[in-house]
Amino acid sequence: VQGAERLLVAGGKKTFAQRVAAFYTEICILPQYENQTSLCELNQTMVEELGFALFDIYPCTKDELGRAAFTDVMWVKPTVLPLGG
């Protein structure tokens, strides 16, 4: 689902809200696809709409110019993995 992560999450909001404890995905940072989901958009959906917490952003893979091209990101439900302790 490269570039369409937001559509994946939107199509499964009920499942994400009720049955998913963690979500790990690779996301493109540089534009590569038409209507590509941005990291900011996906984070907003995961945190504000579905109640997940951003757990980690892994080291970026860079393009030939040294720009961050894509990365892996993980969100978790705070009730499953308490972030405060």
PDB file of N, CA and C in Angstrom:
ATOM      1  N   VAL A   1       0.820  -1.191   0.000  1.00  0.00           N
ATOM      2  CA  VAL A   1       0.000   0.000   0.000  1.00  0.00           C
ATOM      3  C   VAL A   1       0.865   1.256   0.000  1.00  0.00           C
ATOM      4  N   GLN A   2       2.018   1.192  -0.631  1.00  0.00           N
ATOM      5  CA  GLN A   2       2.907   2.351  -0.616  1.00  0.00           C
ATOM      6  C   GLN A   2       2.177   3.583  -1.118  1.00  0.00           C
ATOM      7  N   GLY A   3       2.223   4.631  -0.306  1.00  0.00           N
ATOM      8  CA  GLY A   3       1.597   5.892  -0.660  1.00  0.00           C
ATOM      9  C   GLY A   3       0.132   5.985  -0.280  1.00  0.00           C
ATOM     10  N   ALA A   4      -0.490   4.855   0.052  1.00  0.00           N
ATOM     11  CA  ALA A   4      -1.925   4.845   0.354  1.00  0.00           C
ATOM     12  C   ALA A   4      -2.206   4.421   1.792  1.00  0.00           C
ATOM     13  N   GLU A   5      -1.283   4.680   2.670  1.00  0.00           N
ATOM     14  CA  GLU A   5      -1.452   4.283   4.077  1.00  0.00           C
ATOM     15  C   GLU A   5      -2.699   4.901   4.700  1.00  0.00           C
ATOM     16  N   ARG A   6      -2.955   6.139   4.372  1.00  0.00           N
ATOM     17  CA  ARG A   6      -4.132   6.828   4.916  1.00  0.00           C
ATOM     18  C   ARG A   6      -5.414   6.122   4.486  1.00  0.00           C
ATOM     19  N   LEU A   7      -5.477   5.662   3.246  1.00  0.00           N
ATOM     20  CA  LEU A   7      -6.658   4.946   2.761  1.00  0.00           C
ATOM     21  C   LEU A   7      -6.827   3.616   3.482  1.00  0.00           C
ATOM     22  N   LEU A   8      -5.730   2.942   3.729  1.00  0.00           N
ATOM     23  CA  LEU A   8      -5.775   1.684   4.472  1.00  0.00           C
ATOM     24  C   LEU A   8      -6.365   1.903   5.862  1.00  0.00           C
ATOM     25  N   VAL A   9      -5.849   2.896   6.556  1.00  0.00           N
ATOM     26  CA  VAL A   9      -6.318   3.182   7.914  1.00  0.00           C
ATOM     27  C   VAL A   9      -7.771   3.653   7.883  1.00  0.00           C
ATOM     28  N   ALA A  10      -8.113   4.521   6.942  1.00  0.00           N
ATOM     29  CA  ALA A  10      -9.484   5.032   6.852  1.00  0.00           C
ATOM     30  C   ALA A  10     -10.477   3.903   6.594  1.00  0.00           C
ATOM     31  N   GLY A  11     -10.086   2.938   5.777  1.00  0.00           N
ATOM     32  CA  GLY A  11     -10.970   1.820   5.468  1.00  0.00           C
ATOM     33  C   GLY A  11     -11.155   0.861   6.628  1.00  0.00           C
ATOM     34  N   GLY A  12     -10.258   0.912   7.581  1.00  0.00           N
ATOM     35  CA  GLY A  12     -10.337  -0.010   8.706  1.00  0.00           C
ATOM     36  C   GLY A  12     -10.415   0.679  10.050  1.00  0.00           C
ATOM     37  N   LYS A  13     -11.011   1.873  10.102  1.00  0.00           N
ATOM     38  CA  LYS A  13     -11.032   2.648  11.358  1.00  0.00           C
ATOM     39  C   LYS A  13     -11.641   1.869  12.518  1.00  0.00           C
ATOM     40  N   LYS A  14     -12.725   1.165  12.271  1.00  0.00           N
ATOM     41  CA  LYS A  14     -13.359   0.408  13.352  1.00  0.00           C
ATOM     42  C   LYS A  14     -12.411  -0.683  13.853  1.00  0.00           C
ATOM     43  N   THR A  15     -11.771  -1.374  12.934  1.00  0.00           N
ATOM     44  CA  THR A  15     -10.821  -2.423  13.311  1.00  0.00           C
ATOM     45  C   THR A  15      -9.641  -1.829  14.055  1.00  0.00           C
ATOM     46  N   PHE A  16      -9.086  -0.741  13.545  1.00  0.00           N
ATOM     47  CA  PHE A  16      -7.954  -0.097  14.221  1.00  0.00           C
ATOM     48  C   PHE A  16      -8.347   0.355  15.623  1.00  0.00           C
ATOM     49  N   ALA A  17      -9.532   0.917  15.757  1.00  0.00           N
ATOM     50  CA  ALA A  17      -9.965   1.437  17.053  1.00  0.00           C
ATOM     51  C   ALA A  17     -10.224   0.322  18.065  1.00  0.00           C
ATOM     52  N   GLN A  18     -10.725  -0.826  17.598  1.00  0.00           N
ATOM     53  CA  GLN A  18     -11.152  -1.872  18.525  1.00  0.00           C
ATOM     54  C   GLN A  18     -10.203  -3.057  18.647  1.00  0.00           C
ATOM     55  N   ARG A  19      -9.423  -3.356  17.603  1.00  0.00           N
ATOM     56  CA  ARG A  19      -8.691  -4.623  17.603  1.00  0.00           C
ATOM     57  C   ARG A  19      -7.188  -4.522  17.363  1.00  0.00           C
ATOM     58  N   VAL A  20      -6.702  -3.354  17.033  1.00  0.00           N
ATOM     59  CA  VAL A  20      -5.280  -3.201  16.710  1.00  0.00           C
ATOM     60  C   VAL A  20      -4.558  -2.551  17.882  1.00  0.00           C
ATOM     61  N   ALA A  21      -3.487  -3.191  18.342  1.00  0.00           N
ATOM     62  CA  ALA A  21      -2.715  -2.672  19.473  1.00  0.00           C
ATOM     63  C   ALA A  21      -1.516  -1.854  19.021  1.00  0.00           C
ATOM     64  N   ALA A  22      -0.991  -2.181  17.841  1.00  0.00           N
ATOM     65  CA  ALA A  22       0.180  -1.471  17.319  1.00  0.00           C
ATOM     66  C   ALA A  22       0.113  -1.473  15.800  1.00  0.00           C
ATOM     67  N   PHE A  23       0.675  -0.434  15.200  1.00  0.00           N
ATOM     68  CA  PHE A  23       0.705  -0.314  13.745  1.00  0.00           C
ATOM     69  C   PHE A  23       2.100   0.125  13.342  1.00  0.00           C
ATOM     70  N   TYR A  24       2.745  -0.686  12.505  1.00  0.00           N
ATOM     71  CA  TYR A  24       4.110  -0.440  12.044  1.00  0.00           C
ATOM     72  C   TYR A  24       4.060  -0.361  10.530  1.00  0.00           C
ATOM     73  N   THR A  25       4.589   0.713   9.965  1.00  0.00           N
ATOM     74  CA  THR A  25       4.555   0.858   8.517  1.00  0.00           C
ATOM     75  C   THR A  25       5.762   1.633   8.019  1.00  0.00           C
ATOM     76  N   GLU A  26       6.074   1.419   6.762  1.00  0.00           N
ATOM     77  CA  GLU A  26       7.063   2.251   6.080  1.00  0.00           C
ATOM     78  C   GLU A  26       6.285   3.374   5.404  1.00  0.00           C
ATOM     79  N   ILE A  27       6.824   4.579   5.449  1.00  0.00           N
ATOM     80  CA  ILE A  27       6.151   5.702   4.804  1.00  0.00           C
ATOM     81  C   ILE A  27       7.166   6.541   4.036  1.00  0.00           C
ATOM     82  N   CYS A  28       6.765   6.955   2.846  1.00  0.00           N
ATOM     83  CA  CYS A  28       7.620   7.806   2.017  1.00  0.00           C
ATOM     84  C   CYS A  28       7.589   9.228   2.559  1.00  0.00           C
ATOM     85  N   ILE A  29       8.740   9.839   2.601  1.00  0.00           N
ATOM     86  CA  ILE A  29       8.840  11.233   3.029  1.00  0.00           C
ATOM     87  C   ILE A  29       8.925  12.137   1.803  1.00  0.00           C
ATOM     88  N   LEU A  30       9.716  11.733   0.826  1.00  0.00           N
ATOM     89  CA  LEU A  30       9.784  12.476  -0.435  1.00  0.00           C
ATOM     90  C   LEU A  30       8.601  12.084  -1.310  1.00  0.00           C
ATOM     91  N   PRO A  31       8.054  13.016  -2.070  1.00  0.00           N
ATOM     92  CA  PRO A  31       6.929  12.686  -2.949  1.00  0.00           C
ATOM     93  C   PRO A  31       7.321  11.628  -3.980  1.00  0.00           C
ATOM     94  N   GLN A  32       6.531  10.568  -4.055  1.00  0.00           N
ATOM     95  CA  GLN A  32       6.765   9.505  -5.031  1.00  0.00           C
ATOM     96  C   GLN A  32       5.489   9.075  -5.739  1.00  0.00           C
ATOM     97  N   TYR A  33       4.339   9.325  -5.116  1.00  0.00           N
ATOM     98  CA  TYR A  33       3.074   8.847  -5.648  1.00  0.00           C
ATOM     99  C   TYR A  33       2.059   9.981  -5.675  1.00  0.00           C
ATOM    100  N   GLU A  34       1.130   9.904  -6.620  1.00  0.00           N
ATOM    101  CA  GLU A  34       0.038  10.870  -6.665  1.00  0.00           C
ATOM    102  C   GLU A  34      -0.850  10.665  -5.438  1.00  0.00           C
ATOM    103  N   ASN A  35      -1.236  11.746  -4.790  1.00  0.00           N
ATOM    104  CA  ASN A  35      -2.073  11.708  -3.579  1.00  0.00           C
ATOM    105  C   ASN A  35      -1.445  10.897  -2.446  1.00  0.00           C
ATOM    106  N   GLN A  36      -0.149  10.937  -2.376  1.00  0.00           N
ATOM    107  CA  GLN A  36       0.597  10.194  -1.356  1.00  0.00           C
ATOM    108  C   GLN A  36       0.272  10.680   0.052  1.00  0.00           C
ATOM    109  N   THR A  37       0.133   9.746   0.981  1.00  0.00           N
ATOM    110  CA  THR A  37      -0.083  10.079   2.384  1.00  0.00           C
ATOM    111  C   THR A  37       1.206  10.635   2.971  1.00  0.00           C
ATOM    112  N   SER A  38       1.113  11.753   3.672  1.00  0.00           N
ATOM    113  CA  SER A  38       2.298  12.292   4.339  1.00  0.00           C
ATOM    114  C   SER A  38       2.384  11.724   5.750  1.00  0.00           C
ATOM    115  N   LEU A  39       3.572  11.755   6.298  1.00  0.00           N
ATOM    116  CA  LEU A  39       3.771  11.308   7.674  1.00  0.00           C
ATOM    117  C   LEU A  39       2.901  12.126   8.624  1.00  0.00           C
ATOM    118  N   CYS A  40       2.811  13.418   8.395  1.00  0.00           N
ATOM    119  CA  CYS A  40       1.987  14.284   9.258  1.00  0.00           C
ATOM    120  C   CYS A  40       0.516  13.895   9.197  1.00  0.00           C
ATOM    121  N   GLU A  41       0.007  13.632   8.002  1.00  0.00           N
ATOM    122  CA  GLU A  41      -1.397  13.232   7.853  1.00  0.00           C
ATOM    123  C   GLU A  41      -1.675  11.908   8.558  1.00  0.00           C
ATOM    124  N   LEU A  42      -0.789  10.946   8.356  1.00  0.00           N
ATOM    125  CA  LEU A  42      -0.994   9.639   8.972  1.00  0.00           C
ATOM    126  C   LEU A  42      -0.893   9.732  10.486  1.00  0.00           C
ATOM    127  N   ASN A  43       0.055  10.514  10.971  1.00  0.00           N
ATOM    128  CA  ASN A  43       0.189  10.682  12.415  1.00  0.00           C
ATOM    129  C   ASN A  43      -1.061  11.332  13.007  1.00  0.00           C
ATOM    130  N   GLN A  44      -1.597  12.332  12.335  1.00  0.00           N
ATOM    131  CA  GLN A  44      -2.812  12.990  12.818  1.00  0.00           C
ATOM    132  C   GLN A  44      -3.962  11.992  12.913  1.00  0.00           C
ATOM    133  N   THR A  45      -4.125  11.172  11.900  1.00  0.00           N
ATOM    134  CA  THR A  45      -5.185  10.163  11.918  1.00  0.00           C
ATOM    135  C   THR A  45      -4.975   9.166  13.045  1.00  0.00           C
ATOM    136  N   MET A  46      -3.758   8.656  13.164  1.00  0.00           N
ATOM    137  CA  MET A  46      -3.482   7.634  14.177  1.00  0.00           C
ATOM    138  C   MET A  46      -3.659   8.176  15.591  1.00  0.00           C
ATOM    139  N   VAL A  47      -3.192   9.391  15.836  1.00  0.00           N
ATOM    140  CA  VAL A  47      -3.213   9.956  17.192  1.00  0.00           C
ATOM    141  C   VAL A  47      -4.568  10.581  17.524  1.00  0.00           C
ATOM    142  N   GLU A  48      -5.018  11.502  16.686  1.00  0.00           N
ATOM    143  CA  GLU A  48      -6.226  12.270  17.015  1.00  0.00           C
ATOM    144  C   GLU A  48      -7.522  11.510  16.783  1.00  0.00           C
ATOM    145  N   GLU A  49      -7.559  10.683  15.750  1.00  0.00           N
ATOM    146  CA  GLU A  49      -8.808   9.990  15.427  1.00  0.00           C
ATOM    147  C   GLU A  49      -8.896   8.595  16.035  1.00  0.00           C
ATOM    148  N   LEU A  50      -7.752   7.919  16.177  1.00  0.00           N
ATOM    149  CA  LEU A  50      -7.793   6.522  16.604  1.00  0.00           C
ATOM    150  C   LEU A  50      -7.198   6.270  17.979  1.00  0.00           C
ATOM    151  N   GLY A  51      -6.617   7.287  18.588  1.00  0.00           N
ATOM    152  CA  GLY A  51      -6.141   7.153  19.960  1.00  0.00           C
ATOM    153  C   GLY A  51      -4.820   6.442  20.151  1.00  0.00           C
ATOM    154  N   PHE A  52      -4.042   6.309  19.097  1.00  0.00           N
ATOM    155  CA  PHE A  52      -2.715   5.712  19.214  1.00  0.00           C
ATOM    156  C   PHE A  52      -1.719   6.773  19.667  1.00  0.00           C
ATOM    157  N   ALA A  53      -0.566   6.331  20.107  1.00  0.00           N
ATOM    158  CA  ALA A  53       0.535   7.235  20.447  1.00  0.00           C
ATOM    159  C   ALA A  53       1.707   6.912  19.526  1.00  0.00           C
ATOM    160  N   LEU A  54       2.353   7.940  19.031  1.00  0.00           N
ATOM    161  CA  LEU A  54       3.549   7.731  18.216  1.00  0.00           C
ATOM    162  C   LEU A  54       4.624   7.138  19.112  1.00  0.00           C
ATOM    163  N   PHE A  55       5.093   5.943  18.779  1.00  0.00           N
ATOM    164  CA  PHE A  55       6.058   5.241  19.616  1.00  0.00           C
ATOM    165  C   PHE A  55       7.487   5.433  19.119  1.00  0.00           C
ATOM    166  N   ASP A  56       7.697   5.321  17.798  1.00  0.00           N
ATOM    167  CA  ASP A  56       9.060   5.465  17.286  1.00  0.00           C
ATOM    168  C   ASP A  56       9.051   5.821  15.808  1.00  0.00           C
ATOM    169  N   ILE A  57      10.032   6.606  15.421  1.00  0.00           N
ATOM    170  CA  ILE A  57      10.357   6.862  14.022  1.00  0.00           C
ATOM    171  C   ILE A  57      11.771   6.343  13.851  1.00  0.00           C
ATOM    172  N   TYR A  58      11.924   5.362  13.006  1.00  0.00           N
ATOM    173  CA  TYR A  58      13.203   4.684  12.837  1.00  0.00           C
ATOM    174  C   TYR A  58      14.109   5.476  11.893  1.00  0.00           C
ATOM    175  N   PRO A  59      15.403   5.173  11.870  1.00  0.00           N
ATOM    176  CA  PRO A  59      16.320   5.918  10.999  1.00  0.00           C
ATOM    177  C   PRO A  59      15.845   5.911   9.542  1.00  0.00           C
ATOM    178  N   CYS A  60      15.961   7.066   8.918  1.00  0.00           N
ATOM    179  CA  CYS A  60      15.508   7.246   7.539  1.00  0.00           C
ATOM    180  C   CYS A  60      16.483   6.632   6.547  1.00  0.00           C
ATOM    181  N   THR A  61      15.916   6.131   5.462  1.00  0.00           N
ATOM    182  CA  THR A  61      16.715   5.787   4.295  1.00  0.00           C
ATOM    183  C   THR A  61      16.787   7.051   3.455  1.00  0.00           C
ATOM    184  N   LYS A  62      17.966   7.349   2.955  1.00  0.00           N
ATOM    185  CA  LYS A  62      18.167   8.612   2.230  1.00  0.00           C
ATOM    186  C   LYS A  62      18.302   8.374   0.740  1.00  0.00           C
ATOM    187  N   ASP A  63      17.975   9.404  -0.031  1.00  0.00           N
ATOM    188  CA  ASP A  63      18.151   9.319  -1.476  1.00  0.00           C
ATOM    189  C   ASP A  63      19.589   9.672  -1.844  1.00  0.00           C
ATOM    190  N   GLU A  64      19.866   9.717  -3.130  1.00  0.00           N
ATOM    191  CA  GLU A  64      21.234   9.958  -3.606  1.00  0.00           C
ATOM    192  C   GLU A  64      21.756  11.348  -3.253  1.00  0.00           C
ATOM    193  N   LEU A  65      20.866  12.272  -2.901  1.00  0.00           N
ATOM    194  CA  LEU A  65      21.273  13.616  -2.498  1.00  0.00           C
ATOM    195  C   LEU A  65      21.393  13.760  -0.983  1.00  0.00           C
ATOM    196  N   GLY A  66      21.118  12.682  -0.269  1.00  0.00           N
ATOM    197  CA  GLY A  66      21.215  12.711   1.186  1.00  0.00           C
ATOM    198  C   GLY A  66      19.947  13.138   1.896  1.00  0.00           C
ATOM    199  N   ARG A  67      18.852  13.292   1.136  1.00  0.00           N
ATOM    200  CA  ARG A  67      17.576  13.687   1.743  1.00  0.00           C
ATOM    201  C   ARG A  67      16.862  12.462   2.313  1.00  0.00           C
ATOM    202  N   ALA A  68      16.132  12.673   3.403  1.00  0.00           N
ATOM    203  CA  ALA A  68      15.322  11.588   3.963  1.00  0.00           C
ATOM    204  C   ALA A  68      14.272  11.193   2.923  1.00  0.00           C
ATOM    205  N   ALA A  69      14.277   9.935   2.511  1.00  0.00           N
ATOM    206  CA  ALA A  69      13.365   9.469   1.469  1.00  0.00           C
ATOM    207  C   ALA A  69      12.189   8.682   2.039  1.00  0.00           C
ATOM    208  N   PHE A  70      12.472   7.768   2.947  1.00  0.00           N
ATOM    209  CA  PHE A  70      11.408   7.021   3.608  1.00  0.00           C
ATOM    210  C   PHE A  70      11.905   6.505   4.942  1.00  0.00           C
ATOM    211  N   THR A  71      10.943   6.122   5.775  1.00  0.00           N
ATOM    212  CA  THR A  71      11.274   5.641   7.109  1.00  0.00           C
ATOM    213  C   THR A  71      10.198   4.678   7.581  1.00  0.00           C
ATOM    214  N   ASP A  72      10.490   3.960   8.628  1.00  0.00           N
ATOM    215  CA  ASP A  72       9.504   3.120   9.297  1.00  0.00           C
ATOM    216  C   ASP A  72       9.015   3.867  10.532  1.00  0.00           C
ATOM    217  N   VAL A  73       7.729   3.713  10.815  1.00  0.00           N
ATOM    218  CA  VAL A  73       7.104   4.409  11.940  1.00  0.00           C
ATOM    219  C   VAL A  73       6.224   3.410  12.686  1.00  0.00           C
ATOM    220  N   MET A  74       6.157   3.567  14.007  1.00  0.00           N
ATOM    221  CA  MET A  74       5.310   2.692  14.811  1.00  0.00           C
ATOM    222  C   MET A  74       4.457   3.505  15.775  1.00  0.00           C
ATOM    223  N   TRP A  75       3.166   3.176  15.812  1.00  0.00           N
ATOM    224  CA  TRP A  75       2.226   3.736  16.775  1.00  0.00           C
ATOM    225  C   TRP A  75       1.725   2.599  17.653  1.00  0.00           C
ATOM    226  N   VAL A  76       1.431   2.888  18.898  1.00  0.00           N
ATOM    227  CA  VAL A  76       0.869   1.887  19.806  1.00  0.00           C
ATOM    228  C   VAL A  76      -0.299   2.496  20.571  1.00  0.00           C
ATOM    229  N   LYS A  77      -1.179   1.624  21.032  1.00  0.00           N
ATOM    230  CA  LYS A  77      -2.247   2.062  21.931  1.00  0.00           C
ATOM    231  C   LYS A  77      -1.626   2.242  23.310  1.00  0.00           C
ATOM    232  N   PRO A  78      -1.778   3.383  23.936  1.00  0.00           N
ATOM    233  CA  PRO A  78      -1.190   3.620  25.259  1.00  0.00           C
ATOM    234  C   PRO A  78      -1.625   2.596  26.299  1.00  0.00           C
ATOM    235  N   THR A  79      -2.810   2.041  26.164  1.00  0.00           N
ATOM    236  CA  THR A  79      -3.282   1.048  27.132  1.00  0.00           C
ATOM    237  C   THR A  79      -2.541  -0.273  27.025  1.00  0.00           C
ATOM    238  N   VAL A  80      -1.962  -0.543  25.882  1.00  0.00           N
ATOM    239  CA  VAL A  80      -1.231  -1.791  25.670  1.00  0.00           C
ATOM    240  C   VAL A  80       0.221  -1.652  26.089  1.00  0.00           C
ATOM    241  N   LEU A  81       0.807  -0.520  25.772  1.00  0.00           N
ATOM    242  CA  LEU A  81       2.202  -0.272  26.092  1.00  0.00           C
ATOM    243  C   LEU A  81       2.289   1.108  26.721  1.00  0.00           C
ATOM    244  N   PRO A  82       2.075   1.206  28.013  1.00  0.00           N
ATOM    245  CA  PRO A  82       2.078   2.526  28.652  1.00  0.00           C
ATOM    246  C   PRO A  82       3.371   3.279  28.372  1.00  0.00           C
ATOM    247  N   LEU A  83       3.230   4.463  27.831  1.00  0.00           N
ATOM    248  CA  LEU A  83       4.400   5.245  27.447  1.00  0.00           C
ATOM    249  C   LEU A  83       5.000   6.010  28.615  1.00  0.00           C
ATOM    250  N   GLY A  84       4.299   6.096  29.712  1.00  0.00           N
ATOM    251  CA  GLY A  84       4.804   6.852  30.852  1.00  0.00           C
ATOM    252  C   GLY A  84       5.640   6.041  31.820  1.00  0.00           C
ATOM    253  N   GLY A  85       5.801   4.783  31.616  1.00  0.00           N
ATOM    254  CA  GLY A  85       6.549   4.026  32.598  1.00  0.00           C
ATOM    255  C   GLY A  85       6.732   2.657  32.241  1.00  0.00           C
TER     256      GLY A  85
END
